[in-house]
Amino acid sequence: MNLSSRNVTYSTVGDYQLPNLTLNQPRKPLGKYGRLRRTYLKDHRPVLYN
């Protein structure tokens, strides 16, 4: 595998080098059941919500 042919940039955080990644997917609005699930998680399961 030729790693030099990839166009990946890295930033140094402490002692680690992390890749600078971005998502190219547009955000879709949540539907009715997605909003209900988010509200349930926020109220009853805060660890899963975060």
N, C-alpha and C. Protein backbone atom coordinates (compact mmCIF):
# COMPACT_ATOMS: atom_id res chain seq x y z
N MET A 1 0.85 -1.16 0.00
CA MET A 1 0.00 0.00 0.00
C MET A 1 0.90 1.23 0.00
N ASN A 2 0.64 2.13 -0.90
CA ASN A 2 1.44 3.34 -1.02
C ASN A 2 0.77 4.47 -0.24
N LEU A 3 1.31 4.80 0.92
CA LEU A 3 0.70 5.82 1.78
C LEU A 3 0.96 7.23 1.29
N SER A 4 2.00 7.44 0.50
CA SER A 4 2.31 8.80 0.06
C SER A 4 1.35 9.30 -1.01
N SER A 5 0.55 8.42 -1.62
CA SER A 5 -0.38 8.87 -2.66
C SER A 5 -1.69 9.41 -2.08
N ARG A 6 -1.91 9.24 -0.81
CA ARG A 6 -3.14 9.75 -0.18
C ARG A 6 -2.95 11.20 0.24
N ASN A 7 -4.01 11.98 0.12
CA ASN A 7 -3.96 13.39 0.50
C ASN A 7 -4.60 13.58 1.86
N VAL A 8 -3.94 13.07 2.88
CA VAL A 8 -4.44 13.18 4.25
C VAL A 8 -3.50 14.08 5.02
N THR A 9 -4.08 15.07 5.69
CA THR A 9 -3.27 15.94 6.54
C THR A 9 -3.52 15.58 7.99
N TYR A 10 -2.55 15.84 8.81
CA TYR A 10 -2.62 15.48 10.22
C TYR A 10 -2.37 16.71 11.08
N SER A 11 -2.99 16.74 12.24
CA SER A 11 -2.71 17.77 13.23
C SER A 11 -2.19 17.09 14.48
N THR A 12 -1.26 17.73 15.16
CA THR A 12 -0.66 17.17 16.35
C THR A 12 -1.42 17.64 17.58
N VAL A 13 -1.89 16.69 18.37
CA VAL A 13 -2.61 16.96 19.61
C VAL A 13 -1.86 16.23 20.71
N GLY A 14 -1.13 16.98 21.52
CA GLY A 14 -0.31 16.35 22.55
C GLY A 14 0.80 15.56 21.89
N ASP A 15 0.86 14.26 22.17
CA ASP A 15 1.86 13.39 21.56
C ASP A 15 1.32 12.61 20.37
N TYR A 16 0.09 12.89 19.97
CA TYR A 16 -0.55 12.11 18.92
C TYR A 16 -0.72 12.94 17.66
N GLN A 17 -0.70 12.27 16.50
CA GLN A 17 -1.05 12.90 15.24
C GLN A 17 -2.38 12.33 14.81
N LEU A 18 -3.39 13.20 14.71
CA LEU A 18 -4.73 12.79 14.34
C LEU A 18 -5.04 13.29 12.94
N PRO A 19 -5.70 12.47 12.11
CA PRO A 19 -6.05 12.91 10.76
C PRO A 19 -7.14 13.97 10.80
N ASN A 20 -7.05 14.94 9.90
CA ASN A 20 -8.07 15.98 9.77
C ASN A 20 -9.15 15.43 8.84
N LEU A 21 -10.23 14.97 9.41
CA LEU A 21 -11.30 14.34 8.64
C LEU A 21 -12.52 15.24 8.61
N THR A 22 -13.20 15.27 7.48
CA THR A 22 -14.46 16.00 7.36
C THR A 22 -15.48 15.09 6.69
N LEU A 23 -16.73 15.27 7.05
CA LEU A 23 -17.81 14.52 6.42
C LEU A 23 -18.38 15.34 5.28
N ASN A 24 -18.57 14.70 4.15
CA ASN A 24 -19.11 15.39 2.98
C ASN A 24 -20.60 15.12 2.80
N GLN A 25 -21.22 14.50 3.78
CA GLN A 25 -22.63 14.18 3.68
C GLN A 25 -23.47 15.33 4.22
N PRO A 26 -24.49 15.76 3.49
CA PRO A 26 -25.37 16.80 4.03
C PRO A 26 -26.21 16.25 5.17
N ARG A 27 -26.51 17.10 6.13
CA ARG A 27 -27.33 16.67 7.27
C ARG A 27 -28.78 16.67 6.87
N LYS A 28 -29.46 15.54 7.11
CA LYS A 28 -30.87 15.44 6.81
C LYS A 28 -31.65 15.73 8.09
N PRO A 29 -32.79 16.41 7.99
CA PRO A 29 -33.58 16.65 9.20
C PRO A 29 -34.16 15.34 9.73
N LEU A 30 -34.30 15.28 11.05
CA LEU A 30 -34.87 14.09 11.68
C LEU A 30 -36.36 14.02 11.40
N GLY A 31 -36.84 12.83 11.22
CA GLY A 31 -38.27 12.62 11.04
C GLY A 31 -38.98 12.60 12.39
N LYS A 32 -40.25 12.27 12.36
CA LYS A 32 -41.06 12.24 13.58
C LYS A 32 -40.49 11.27 14.60
N TYR A 33 -40.18 10.05 14.18
CA TYR A 33 -39.71 9.03 15.11
C TYR A 33 -38.27 9.30 15.56
N GLY A 34 -37.48 9.93 14.74
CA GLY A 34 -36.14 10.32 15.15
C GLY A 34 -36.17 11.36 16.25
N ARG A 35 -37.10 12.33 16.13
CA ARG A 35 -37.25 13.35 17.17
C ARG A 35 -37.78 12.74 18.46
N LEU A 36 -38.71 11.79 18.36
CA LEU A 36 -39.22 11.12 19.56
C LEU A 36 -38.11 10.34 20.25
N ARG A 37 -37.29 9.64 19.47
CA ARG A 37 -36.18 8.87 20.03
C ARG A 37 -35.17 9.79 20.71
N ARG A 38 -34.86 10.93 20.08
CA ARG A 38 -33.91 11.88 20.66
C ARG A 38 -34.43 12.42 21.98
N THR A 39 -35.71 12.76 22.05
CA THR A 39 -36.31 13.26 23.29
C THR A 39 -36.28 12.20 24.38
N TYR A 40 -36.60 10.95 24.01
CA TYR A 40 -36.55 9.86 24.99
C TYR A 40 -35.13 9.69 25.54
N LEU A 41 -34.14 9.66 24.65
CA LEU A 41 -32.77 9.49 25.11
C LEU A 41 -32.32 10.64 25.99
N LYS A 42 -32.70 11.85 25.63
CA LYS A 42 -32.30 13.02 26.42
C LYS A 42 -32.89 12.96 27.82
N ASP A 43 -34.15 12.51 27.93
CA ASP A 43 -34.83 12.50 29.23
C ASP A 43 -34.51 11.26 30.07
N HIS A 44 -34.38 10.10 29.44
CA HIS A 44 -34.30 8.86 30.19
C HIS A 44 -32.95 8.14 30.10
N ARG A 45 -32.16 8.40 29.09
CA ARG A 45 -30.88 7.74 28.90
C ARG A 45 -29.80 8.75 28.50
N PRO A 46 -29.42 9.64 29.41
CA PRO A 46 -28.49 10.71 29.05
C PRO A 46 -27.12 10.22 28.59
N VAL A 47 -26.68 9.05 29.07
CA VAL A 47 -25.37 8.54 28.63
C VAL A 47 -25.41 8.14 27.16
N LEU A 48 -26.49 7.48 26.74
CA LEU A 48 -26.63 7.13 25.33
C LEU A 48 -26.84 8.37 24.47
N TYR A 49 -27.53 9.36 25.00
CA TYR A 49 -27.77 10.59 24.24
C TYR A 49 -26.48 11.29 23.91
N ASN A 50 -25.54 11.33 24.86
CA ASN A 50 -24.28 12.01 24.61
C ASN A 50 -23.41 11.17 23.71
